[in-house]
Amino acid sequence: MCGFCGSFAFDGEKGDLGAELPSGIKLEEIPESWRCPVCGHWKGDLKEISDQEYTQVRAKYEKNYPATREKPLKDITYYRDIARKQLARICAVNKVCDGDPDRLCQGMKYGKPIGFGGAGQGKTWSANFQALSQYKLKMRVIKEQGEPKLETTFLGNKIALPVMATSISGTVISMNNALSEEEFQRGMVEGAKQAGTIGLSGHTVDAPDHPGIDIIGRLGGWGIPVFKPQSQERLLTLFKLCEQANVLAIGVDLDGYGSTNWALRGKPL
């Protein structure tokens, strides 16, 4: 079992082709370059466990991380596998993102820089998840079948559902530089547009000129750049760029005031 995440376990006799472990492999035969498929930690974290413990851990692992097909379809599982590899030791890309303290992003990063996961004990994140789970769509099997109407408008713009992509940023700090800030921002904003809703673009110290402005401009202004609180002069300069890009709206991340990450880079907010 991987002693770091406690989620991955394999039987040496059976192996695990998804984790690149052939049948009959012994612990000492696993190459030093091997990484846990869940958390990305190395061979040194593997430890032998009892048959009973293996059965429990393996069952949970197979439930959370179903085996990948030999020729996988490009569905959510396909992209989740890619994300898990890119975000090794940062995020396990769980099926449910609920703020549970046992998650890789919460309980296993204590003392490390803030990345994914809630600040402090993460209670707000968990409470919001629990509150949202109380709402359910009622299934109707007696009346005529029909799709629920989720369309709404935001600032006069029609969107497919009352959900927008939040203004996450900071791929260097939060995502172990798994992809560039530009790639990430484009995925957030363009992906939201393709889904029929609006993407918000976050502000990071590693891209102070905010790449989201140009990305949103190239999409005909369909998006909302959100800025960290700075001097009025600097904000007005950025707002002028947004005006030129014809963005839907602009925002200021007020709770970003006092950001540790910006202060450490010599740009306190």
Protein backbone atom coordinates (compact mmCIF):
# COMPACT_ATOMS: atom_id res chain seq x y z
CA MET A 1 0.00 0.00 0.00
CA CYS A 2 1.13 3.56 -0.62
CA GLY A 3 1.86 4.82 2.86
CA PHE A 4 1.49 8.46 1.82
CA CYS A 5 -2.07 8.54 0.49
CA GLY A 6 -3.33 5.22 1.93
CA SER A 7 -5.59 4.90 -1.12
CA PHE A 8 -3.60 2.74 -3.55
CA ALA A 9 -2.85 -0.93 -2.86
CA PHE A 10 -1.84 -3.82 -5.13
CA ASP A 11 -1.20 -7.55 -4.95
CA GLY A 12 2.29 -8.44 -6.19
CA GLU A 13 1.08 -11.74 -7.62
CA LYS A 14 -1.70 -10.09 -9.66
CA GLY A 15 0.06 -6.82 -10.41
CA ASP A 16 -1.78 -3.72 -11.62
CA LEU A 17 -1.36 -2.84 -15.30
CA GLY A 18 -3.04 0.53 -14.78
CA ALA A 19 -0.28 1.43 -12.32
CA GLU A 20 2.40 -0.14 -14.57
CA LEU A 21 3.00 -3.06 -12.18
CA PRO A 22 3.09 -6.45 -14.00
CA SER A 23 1.99 -9.67 -12.31
CA GLY A 24 4.58 -11.42 -10.16
CA ILE A 25 6.53 -8.23 -9.44
CA LYS A 26 8.34 -7.91 -6.12
CA LEU A 27 8.75 -4.72 -4.14
CA GLU A 28 12.48 -4.52 -4.84
CA GLU A 29 11.86 -4.95 -8.58
CA ILE A 30 9.73 -1.82 -8.91
CA PRO A 31 11.83 0.87 -10.65
CA GLU A 32 12.83 3.95 -8.68
CA SER A 33 11.05 6.11 -11.26
CA TRP A 34 7.65 4.57 -10.38
CA ARG A 35 5.01 6.86 -8.89
CA CYS A 36 1.76 6.10 -7.06
CA PRO A 37 -1.18 6.56 -9.48
CA VAL A 38 -3.21 8.41 -6.84
CA CYS A 39 -0.85 10.83 -5.10
CA GLY A 40 2.30 10.67 -7.24
CA HIS A 41 4.61 9.61 -4.40
CA TRP A 42 7.54 7.35 -5.05
CA LYS A 43 8.32 3.71 -4.48
CA GLY A 44 9.86 4.44 -1.07
CA ASP A 45 6.39 5.09 0.37
CA LEU A 46 5.13 1.59 -0.47
CA LYS A 47 4.73 -0.72 2.52
CA GLU A 48 3.55 -4.29 2.96
CA ILE A 49 0.15 -4.78 4.63
CA SER A 50 -1.97 -7.71 5.83
CA ASP A 51 -4.39 -9.55 3.53
CA GLN A 52 -7.34 -8.16 5.46
CA GLU A 53 -6.12 -4.58 5.21
CA TYR A 54 -5.33 -5.06 1.51
CA THR A 55 -8.89 -6.25 0.78
CA GLN A 56 -10.36 -3.14 2.42
CA VAL A 57 -7.99 -0.63 0.82
CA ARG A 58 -8.12 -2.23 -2.63
CA ALA A 59 -11.93 -2.29 -2.66
CA LYS A 60 -12.03 1.41 -1.84
CA TYR A 61 -9.36 2.17 -4.45
CA GLU A 62 -11.20 0.30 -7.23
CA LYS A 63 -14.42 2.10 -6.34
CA ASN A 64 -12.83 5.55 -6.43
CA TYR A 65 -10.50 4.93 -9.36
CA PRO A 66 -12.04 2.46 -11.86
CA ALA A 67 -9.61 0.69 -14.22
CA THR A 68 -8.88 2.59 -17.43
CA ARG A 69 -9.78 0.91 -20.73
CA GLU A 70 -6.94 -0.15 -23.05
CA LYS A 71 -8.20 2.42 -25.58
CA PRO A 72 -10.01 4.91 -23.33
CA LEU A 73 -12.83 7.06 -24.60
CA LYS A 74 -12.18 10.76 -24.16
CA ASP A 75 -14.73 11.10 -21.39
CA ILE A 76 -14.46 12.57 -17.89
CA THR A 77 -12.53 9.51 -16.69
CA TYR A 78 -9.95 9.95 -19.45
CA TYR A 79 -9.28 13.57 -18.51
CA ARG A 80 -9.36 12.81 -14.80
CA ASP A 81 -6.51 10.34 -15.31
CA ILE A 82 -4.46 13.01 -17.10
CA ALA A 83 -5.16 15.54 -14.35
CA ARG A 84 -4.18 13.06 -11.64
CA LYS A 85 -0.76 12.57 -13.24
CA GLN A 86 -0.18 16.30 -13.75
CA LEU A 87 -1.30 17.20 -10.23
CA ALA A 88 0.67 14.48 -8.44
CA ARG A 89 1.03 15.24 -4.71
CA ILE A 90 -1.21 18.30 -5.12
CA CYS A 91 -4.67 16.88 -5.85
CA ALA A 92 -5.90 13.29 -6.19
CA VAL A 93 -8.75 14.44 -8.50
CA ASN A 94 -11.37 12.61 -6.48
CA LYS A 95 -14.81 11.94 -7.93
CA VAL A 96 -16.32 14.01 -5.12
CA CYS A 97 -14.65 17.26 -4.02
CA ASP A 98 -16.20 17.68 -0.56
CA GLY A 99 -13.50 19.12 1.69
CA ASP A 100 -13.12 15.90 3.66
CA PRO A 101 -9.99 16.16 5.88
CA ASP A 102 -8.81 12.77 4.59
CA ARG A 103 -8.44 14.13 1.07
CA LEU A 104 -4.94 14.66 -0.30
CA CYS A 105 -5.48 18.42 -0.66
CA GLN A 106 -6.69 18.81 2.94
CA GLY A 107 -5.24 16.54 5.61
CA MET A 108 -2.01 15.48 3.91
CA LYS A 109 -0.55 18.89 3.09
CA TYR A 110 -0.39 20.33 6.59
CA GLY A 111 2.51 22.73 6.95
CA LYS A 112 3.02 23.12 3.20
CA PRO A 113 2.19 26.21 1.08
CA ILE A 114 -1.49 26.87 0.45
CA GLY A 115 -2.59 25.28 -2.81
CA PHE A 116 -5.81 23.36 -3.43
CA GLY A 117 -7.93 22.82 -0.35
CA GLY A 118 -9.56 25.11 2.16
CA ALA A 119 -7.58 27.39 4.45
CA GLY A 120 -7.40 26.57 8.15
CA GLN A 121 -9.60 23.59 8.96
CA GLY A 122 -11.57 23.93 5.73
CA LYS A 123 -14.88 23.84 7.62
CA THR A 124 -16.59 26.38 5.33
CA TRP A 125 -15.82 24.29 2.26
CA SER A 126 -17.22 21.13 3.87
CA ALA A 127 -20.28 22.96 5.25
CA ASN A 128 -21.10 24.43 1.83
CA PHE A 129 -20.89 20.96 0.25
CA GLN A 130 -23.20 19.48 2.88
CA ALA A 131 -25.69 22.34 2.51
CA LEU A 132 -25.78 22.00 -1.29
CA SER A 133 -26.30 18.24 -1.05
CA GLN A 134 -29.67 18.87 0.66
CA TYR A 135 -31.09 20.06 -2.67
CA LYS A 136 -32.17 17.33 -5.08
CA LEU A 137 -34.01 17.11 -8.39
CA LYS A 138 -37.27 15.17 -7.95
CA MET A 139 -37.74 12.31 -10.39
CA ARG A 140 -41.15 12.29 -12.06
CA VAL A 141 -42.31 8.98 -13.46
CA ILE A 142 -46.10 9.43 -13.54
CA LYS A 143 -46.46 12.72 -15.40
CA GLU A 144 -45.10 13.37 -18.87
CA GLN A 145 -41.30 13.38 -18.95
CA GLY A 146 -39.58 16.71 -19.42
CA GLU A 147 -36.19 18.32 -18.93
CA PRO A 148 -35.86 20.93 -16.16
CA LYS A 149 -35.36 24.46 -17.48
CA LEU A 150 -32.09 25.77 -16.08
CA GLU A 151 -31.54 28.78 -18.35
CA THR A 152 -31.21 32.18 -16.73
CA THR A 153 -29.64 35.56 -17.43
CA PHE A 154 -26.70 37.36 -15.89
CA LEU A 155 -26.34 41.10 -16.59
CA GLY A 156 -28.67 40.64 -19.53
CA ASN A 157 -26.70 37.70 -20.98
CA LYS A 158 -28.42 34.33 -21.36
CA ILE A 159 -26.58 31.37 -19.80
CA ALA A 160 -27.46 27.67 -19.87
CA LEU A 161 -27.53 27.20 -16.09
CA PRO A 162 -27.12 29.34 -12.95
CA VAL A 163 -23.52 28.18 -12.43
CA MET A 164 -20.35 29.98 -13.53
CA ALA A 165 -16.68 28.91 -13.43
CA THR A 166 -14.97 30.48 -10.42
CA SER A 167 -11.90 32.72 -10.64
CA ILE A 168 -9.17 30.23 -9.69
CA SER A 169 -5.57 31.16 -10.55
CA GLY A 170 -1.98 30.44 -9.55
CA THR A 171 -0.82 27.36 -11.45
CA VAL A 172 2.77 27.84 -10.19
CA ILE A 173 1.80 27.98 -6.52
CA SER A 174 -1.35 25.86 -6.38
CA MET A 175 -0.82 23.31 -9.16
CA ASN A 176 2.89 22.53 -9.04
CA ASN A 177 3.28 24.34 -12.39
CA ALA A 178 1.48 21.43 -14.11
CA LEU A 179 0.47 23.81 -16.92
CA SER A 180 0.97 27.46 -17.73
CA GLU A 181 -1.30 30.17 -16.36
CA GLU A 182 -2.38 31.02 -19.91
CA GLU A 183 -3.36 27.40 -20.66
CA PHE A 184 -5.32 27.16 -17.43
CA GLN A 185 -7.13 30.48 -17.84
CA ARG A 186 -8.03 29.65 -21.44
CA GLY A 187 -9.43 26.29 -20.34
CA MET A 188 -11.54 27.89 -17.61
CA VAL A 189 -12.97 30.71 -19.77
CA GLU A 190 -13.32 28.91 -23.09
CA GLY A 191 -14.63 25.74 -21.43
CA ALA A 192 -17.31 27.73 -19.62
CA LYS A 193 -18.36 29.39 -22.88
CA GLN A 194 -18.62 26.02 -24.64
CA ALA A 195 -20.82 24.81 -21.76
CA GLY A 196 -23.10 27.80 -22.28
CA THR A 197 -22.13 29.73 -19.19
CA ILE A 198 -19.56 32.35 -18.11
CA GLY A 199 -16.01 31.83 -16.87
CA LEU A 200 -14.34 34.10 -14.33
CA SER A 201 -10.60 34.57 -14.72
CA GLY A 202 -8.45 34.84 -11.57
CA HIS A 203 -5.45 37.07 -10.87
CA THR A 204 -2.06 35.66 -9.87
CA VAL A 205 1.23 37.23 -8.82
CA ASP A 206 2.99 35.12 -11.45
CA ALA A 207 1.04 36.92 -14.22
CA PRO A 208 0.43 40.42 -12.82
CA ASP A 209 -0.87 41.76 -16.16
CA HIS A 210 -3.65 39.16 -16.01
CA PRO A 211 -3.62 36.90 -19.10
CA GLY A 212 -7.38 36.47 -18.73
CA ILE A 213 -8.02 39.90 -20.26
CA ASP A 214 -6.50 38.93 -23.61
CA ILE A 215 -8.08 35.46 -23.52
CA ILE A 216 -11.55 36.90 -22.85
CA GLY A 217 -11.00 39.54 -25.53
CA ARG A 218 -10.27 36.84 -28.10
CA LEU A 219 -13.58 35.20 -27.14
CA GLY A 220 -15.50 38.35 -27.98
CA GLY A 221 -15.42 39.61 -24.41
CA TRP A 222 -17.27 36.55 -23.05
CA GLY A 223 -15.86 36.31 -19.55
CA ILE A 224 -15.18 38.21 -16.34
CA PRO A 225 -11.62 39.01 -15.19
CA VAL A 226 -11.29 39.32 -11.41
CA PHE A 227 -8.41 41.34 -9.93
CA LYS A 228 -6.58 41.27 -6.63
CA PRO A 229 -6.94 44.54 -4.65
CA GLN A 230 -4.07 46.90 -5.51
CA SER A 231 -3.51 50.63 -5.81
CA GLN A 232 -6.35 52.56 -7.44
CA GLU A 233 -4.00 53.71 -10.19
CA ARG A 234 -2.99 50.15 -11.07
CA LEU A 235 -6.57 48.86 -10.96
CA LEU A 236 -7.81 51.65 -13.23
CA THR A 237 -5.09 50.78 -15.75
CA LEU A 238 -6.23 47.15 -15.76
CA PHE A 239 -9.90 48.20 -15.98
CA LYS A 240 -9.09 50.25 -19.12
CA LEU A 241 -7.61 47.12 -20.72
CA CYS A 242 -10.84 45.28 -19.86
CA GLU A 243 -12.86 48.04 -21.47
CA GLN A 244 -10.84 47.64 -24.67
CA ALA A 245 -11.45 43.87 -24.58
CA ASN A 246 -15.20 44.53 -24.18
CA VAL A 247 -15.52 42.09 -21.25
CA LEU A 248 -18.96 41.33 -19.76
CA ALA A 249 -18.00 42.64 -16.32
CA ILE A 250 -15.04 43.06 -13.99
CA GLY A 251 -14.51 42.10 -10.36
CA VAL A 252 -12.14 42.69 -7.46
CA ASP A 253 -11.24 39.80 -5.14
CA LEU A 254 -11.67 41.68 -1.85
CA ASP A 255 -10.83 38.68 0.33
CA GLY A 256 -7.49 38.51 -1.51
CA TYR A 257 -6.39 41.44 0.62
CA GLY A 258 -3.43 40.30 2.74
CA SER A 259 -2.61 37.37 0.43
CA THR A 260 0.44 35.47 1.71
CA ASN A 261 1.47 34.40 -1.79
CA TRP A 262 1.59 37.96 -3.13
CA ALA A 263 3.41 39.24 -0.04
CA LEU A 264 6.08 36.54 -0.37
CA ARG A 265 6.73 37.73 -3.95
CA GLY A 266 7.24 41.32 -2.77
CA LYS A 267 3.85 42.55 -4.03
CA PRO A 268 1.64 42.90 -0.95
CA LEU A 269 -2.02 43.65 -1.59
